């Protein structure tokens, strides 16, 4: 179904968004802030966000959404929903990193990445479903 395809696209968009945001944010972020308090923290701190990293994350999700649209995996609405969902999920991942990641030994980066992509996928599918129900 198209809803599942949009969820798939969003999961990939979320993963590239997260990778771009964290790697570019660590390397080029001028100032990093803890997502929970907005206090300045060192780059690379779990839960830290930066303008540069956030913008890079959006670029990453746009790349995947555009490629998916070009390959007819989703329509324009699905591409936009994937970008929105990736933004939401990437910020949720920062929240998880800031609030829980150091507190539970089982909450490794791999587990957080899985949760992140699941949030992105579920968000896109939920948004698409809500839009279709209202139509």
C-alpha atoms as a PDB file:
ATOM      1  CA  UNK A   1       0.000   0.000   0.000  1.00  0.00           C
ATOM      2  CA  UNK A   2       1.104   3.598  -0.528  1.00  0.00           C
ATOM      3  CA  UNK A   3       0.958   4.263   3.225  1.00  0.00           C
ATOM      4  CA  UNK A   4       3.559   1.541   3.829  1.00  0.00           C
ATOM      5  CA  UNK A   5       5.692   2.904   0.997  1.00  0.00           C
ATOM      6  CA  UNK A   6       5.590   6.364   2.552  1.00  0.00           C
ATOM      7  CA  UNK A   7       6.604   4.790   5.870  1.00  0.00           C
ATOM      8  CA  UNK A   8       9.526   3.073   4.144  1.00  0.00           C
ATOM      9  CA  UNK A   9      10.653   6.301   2.477  1.00  0.00           C
ATOM     10  CA  UNK A  10      10.349   8.138   5.791  1.00  0.00           C
ATOM     11  CA  UNK A  11      12.472   5.536   7.582  1.00  0.00           C
ATOM     12  CA  UNK A  12      15.279   6.033   5.064  1.00  0.00           C
ATOM     13  CA  UNK A  13      14.858   9.821   5.123  1.00  0.00           C
ATOM     14  CA  UNK A  14      15.038   9.711   8.922  1.00  0.00           C
ATOM     15  CA  UNK A  15      18.231   7.684   8.920  1.00  0.00           C
ATOM     16  CA  UNK A  16      20.029   9.975   6.478  1.00  0.00           C
ATOM     17  CA  UNK A  17      18.699  13.017   8.329  1.00  0.00           C
ATOM     18  CA  UNK A  18      20.111  11.661  11.591  1.00  0.00           C
ATOM     19  CA  UNK A  19      23.458  10.805  10.010  1.00  0.00           C
ATOM     20  CA  UNK A  20      23.819  14.210   8.349  1.00  0.00           C
ATOM     21  CA  UNK A  21      22.666  16.062  11.473  1.00  0.00           C
ATOM     22  CA  UNK A  22      25.023  14.281  13.837  1.00  0.00           C
ATOM     23  CA  UNK A  23      28.096  14.088  11.611  1.00  0.00           C
ATOM     24  CA  UNK A  24      27.873  17.574  10.126  1.00  0.00           C
ATOM     25  CA  UNK A  25      26.763  19.032  13.455  1.00  0.00           C
ATOM     26  CA  UNK A  26      29.806  17.510  15.200  1.00  0.00           C
ATOM     27  CA  UNK A  27      32.197  18.609  12.484  1.00  0.00           C
ATOM     28  CA  UNK A  28      30.847  22.036  11.568  1.00  0.00           C
ATOM     29  CA  UNK A  29      28.368  23.091  14.242  1.00  0.00           C
ATOM     30  CA  UNK A  30      29.478  26.429  15.645  1.00  0.00           C
ATOM     31  CA  UNK A  31      27.418  26.178  18.810  1.00  0.00           C
ATOM     32  CA  UNK A  32      25.632  23.114  20.188  1.00  0.00           C
ATOM     33  CA  UNK A  33      22.715  23.266  22.601  1.00  0.00           C
ATOM     34  CA  UNK A  34      21.177  20.542  24.727  1.00  0.00           C
ATOM     35  CA  UNK A  35      17.713  19.965  23.259  1.00  0.00           C
ATOM     36  CA  UNK A  36      16.078  19.754  26.702  1.00  0.00           C
ATOM     37  CA  UNK A  37      17.469  22.968  28.214  1.00  0.00           C
ATOM     38  CA  UNK A  38      18.874  24.899  25.238  1.00  0.00           C
ATOM     39  CA  UNK A  39      22.036  25.429  27.292  1.00  0.00           C
ATOM     40  CA  UNK A  40      25.301  25.464  25.377  1.00  0.00           C
ATOM     41  CA  UNK A  41      27.160  22.129  25.470  1.00  0.00           C
ATOM     42  CA  UNK A  42      30.225  20.699  23.689  1.00  0.00           C
ATOM     43  CA  UNK A  43      29.667  19.388  20.159  1.00  0.00           C
ATOM     44  CA  UNK A  44      29.067  15.638  20.207  1.00  0.00           C
ATOM     45  CA  UNK A  45      27.189  15.658  23.520  1.00  0.00           C
ATOM     46  CA  UNK A  46      24.268  13.187  23.476  1.00  0.00           C
ATOM     47  CA  UNK A  47      21.131  15.237  22.889  1.00  0.00           C
ATOM     48  CA  UNK A  48      22.979  18.245  21.511  1.00  0.00           C
ATOM     49  CA  UNK A  49      21.630  20.094  18.487  1.00  0.00           C
ATOM     50  CA  UNK A  50      23.082  22.846  16.329  1.00  0.00           C
ATOM     51  CA  UNK A  51      21.726  25.013  13.546  1.00  0.00           C
ATOM     52  CA  UNK A  52      24.230  23.540  11.099  1.00  0.00           C
ATOM     53  CA  UNK A  53      23.404  19.972  12.066  1.00  0.00           C
ATOM     54  CA  UNK A  54      19.663  20.586  11.969  1.00  0.00           C
ATOM     55  CA  UNK A  55      19.855  22.142   8.499  1.00  0.00           C
ATOM     56  CA  UNK A  56      22.074  19.304   7.296  1.00  0.00           C
ATOM     57  CA  UNK A  57      19.520  16.827   8.611  1.00  0.00           C
ATOM     58  CA  UNK A  58      16.771  18.500   6.613  1.00  0.00           C
ATOM     59  CA  UNK A  59      18.977  18.369   3.496  1.00  0.00           C
ATOM     60  CA  UNK A  60      19.534  14.635   4.065  1.00  0.00           C
ATOM     61  CA  UNK A  61      15.813  13.940   4.300  1.00  0.00           C
ATOM     62  CA  UNK A  62      15.134  16.041   1.197  1.00  0.00           C
ATOM     63  CA  UNK A  63      17.716  14.019  -0.760  1.00  0.00           C
ATOM     64  CA  UNK A  64      16.010  10.732   0.124  1.00  0.00           C
ATOM     65  CA  UNK A  65      12.489  12.082  -0.402  1.00  0.00           C
ATOM     66  CA  UNK A  66      13.440  13.512  -3.814  1.00  0.00           C
ATOM     67  CA  UNK A  67      15.069  10.244  -4.870  1.00  0.00           C
ATOM     68  CA  UNK A  68      12.015   8.280  -3.723  1.00  0.00           C
ATOM     69  CA  UNK A  69       9.720  10.614  -5.637  1.00  0.00           C
ATOM     70  CA  UNK A  70      11.911  10.313  -8.755  1.00  0.00           C
ATOM     71  CA  UNK A  71      11.711   6.500  -8.475  1.00  0.00           C
ATOM     72  CA  UNK A  72       7.910   6.647  -8.029  1.00  0.00           C
ATOM     73  CA  UNK A  73       8.074   5.190  -4.516  1.00  0.00           C
ATOM     74  CA  UNK A  74       5.857   8.045  -3.333  1.00  0.00           C
ATOM     75  CA  UNK A  75       4.033  11.054  -4.642  1.00  0.00           C
ATOM     76  CA  UNK A  76       4.689  14.667  -3.703  1.00  0.00           C
ATOM     77  CA  UNK A  77       2.584  14.391  -0.540  1.00  0.00           C
ATOM     78  CA  UNK A  78       4.507  11.301   0.565  1.00  0.00           C
ATOM     79  CA  UNK A  79       7.811  13.059  -0.036  1.00  0.00           C
ATOM     80  CA  UNK A  80       6.755  16.056   2.055  1.00  0.00           C
ATOM     81  CA  UNK A  81       5.443  13.780   4.813  1.00  0.00           C
ATOM     82  CA  UNK A  82       8.748  11.873   4.841  1.00  0.00           C
ATOM     83  CA  UNK A  83      10.672  15.135   5.289  1.00  0.00           C
ATOM     84  CA  UNK A  84       8.389  16.283   8.111  1.00  0.00           C
ATOM     85  CA  UNK A  85       8.521  12.872   9.795  1.00  0.00           C
ATOM     86  CA  UNK A  86      12.317  12.754   9.544  1.00  0.00           C
ATOM     87  CA  UNK A  87      12.567  16.158  11.213  1.00  0.00           C
ATOM     88  CA  UNK A  88      10.259  15.065  14.028  1.00  0.00           C
ATOM     89  CA  UNK A  89      12.062  11.750  14.520  1.00  0.00           C
ATOM     90  CA  UNK A  90      15.553  13.238  14.456  1.00  0.00           C
ATOM     91  CA  UNK A  91      14.562  15.696  17.171  1.00  0.00           C
ATOM     92  CA  UNK A  92      12.955  12.874  19.157  1.00  0.00           C
ATOM     93  CA  UNK A  93      16.250  11.010  18.919  1.00  0.00           C
ATOM     94  CA  UNK A  94      18.033  14.021  20.393  1.00  0.00           C
ATOM     95  CA  UNK A  95      15.497  14.026  23.236  1.00  0.00           C
ATOM     96  CA  UNK A  96      16.110  10.322  23.867  1.00  0.00           C
ATOM     97  CA  UNK A  97      19.856  10.925  23.829  1.00  0.00           C
ATOM     98  CA  UNK A  98      19.581  13.815  26.270  1.00  0.00           C
ATOM     99  CA  UNK A  99      17.192  12.160  28.703  1.00  0.00           C
ATOM    100  CA  UNK A 100      17.631   8.384  28.613  1.00  0.00           C
ATOM    101  CA  UNK A 101      20.640   7.147  26.675  1.00  0.00           C
ATOM    102  CA  UNK A 102      23.126   7.260  29.551  1.00  0.00           C
ATOM    103  CA  UNK A 103      20.684   5.825  32.070  1.00  0.00           C
ATOM    104  CA  UNK A 104      20.072   2.389  30.534  1.00  0.00           C
ATOM    105  CA  UNK A 105      22.898   0.083  29.439  1.00  0.00           C
ATOM    106  CA  UNK A 106      20.686  -1.578  26.826  1.00  0.00           C
ATOM    107  CA  UNK A 107      19.917   1.789  25.187  1.00  0.00           C
ATOM    108  CA  UNK A 108      22.856   1.709  22.798  1.00  0.00           C
ATOM    109  CA  UNK A 109      23.275   3.898  19.719  1.00  0.00           C
ATOM    110  CA  UNK A 110      21.945   1.027  17.602  1.00  0.00           C
ATOM    111  CA  UNK A 111      18.774   0.747  19.694  1.00  0.00           C
ATOM    112  CA  UNK A 112      18.277   4.512  19.614  1.00  0.00           C
ATOM    113  CA  UNK A 113      18.754   4.481  15.823  1.00  0.00           C
ATOM    114  CA  UNK A 114      16.116   1.745  15.509  1.00  0.00           C
ATOM    115  CA  UNK A 115      13.694   3.771  17.652  1.00  0.00           C
ATOM    116  CA  UNK A 116      14.501   6.865  15.593  1.00  0.00           C
ATOM    117  CA  UNK A 117      13.707   5.234  12.244  1.00  0.00           C
ATOM    118  CA  UNK A 118      10.569   3.627  13.696  1.00  0.00           C
ATOM    119  CA  UNK A 119       9.361   7.047  14.892  1.00  0.00           C
ATOM    120  CA  UNK A 120      10.019   8.525  11.440  1.00  0.00           C
ATOM    121  CA  UNK A 121       8.177   5.737   9.675  1.00  0.00           C
ATOM    122  CA  UNK A 122       5.233   5.718  12.083  1.00  0.00           C
ATOM    123  CA  UNK A 123       4.931   9.519  11.987  1.00  0.00           C
ATOM    124  CA  UNK A 124       4.744   9.606   8.189  1.00  0.00           C
ATOM    125  CA  UNK A 125       2.204   6.776   8.041  1.00  0.00           C
ATOM    126  CA  UNK A 126       0.079   8.362  10.775  1.00  0.00           C
ATOM    127  CA  UNK A 127       0.123  11.759   9.057  1.00  0.00           C
ATOM    128  CA  UNK A 128      -0.827  10.204   5.714  1.00  0.00           C
ATOM    129  CA  UNK A 129      -3.648   8.251   7.323  1.00  0.00           C
ATOM    130  CA  UNK A 130      -4.982  11.359   9.070  1.00  0.00           C
ATOM    131  CA  UNK A 131      -4.867  13.337   5.836  1.00  0.00           C
ATOM    132  CA  UNK A 132      -6.715  10.594   3.955  1.00  0.00           C
ATOM    133  CA  UNK A 133      -9.359  10.310   6.667  1.00  0.00           C
ATOM    134  CA  UNK A 134     -10.031  14.048   6.455  1.00  0.00           C
ATOM    135  CA  UNK A 135     -10.250  14.033   2.656  1.00  0.00           C
END
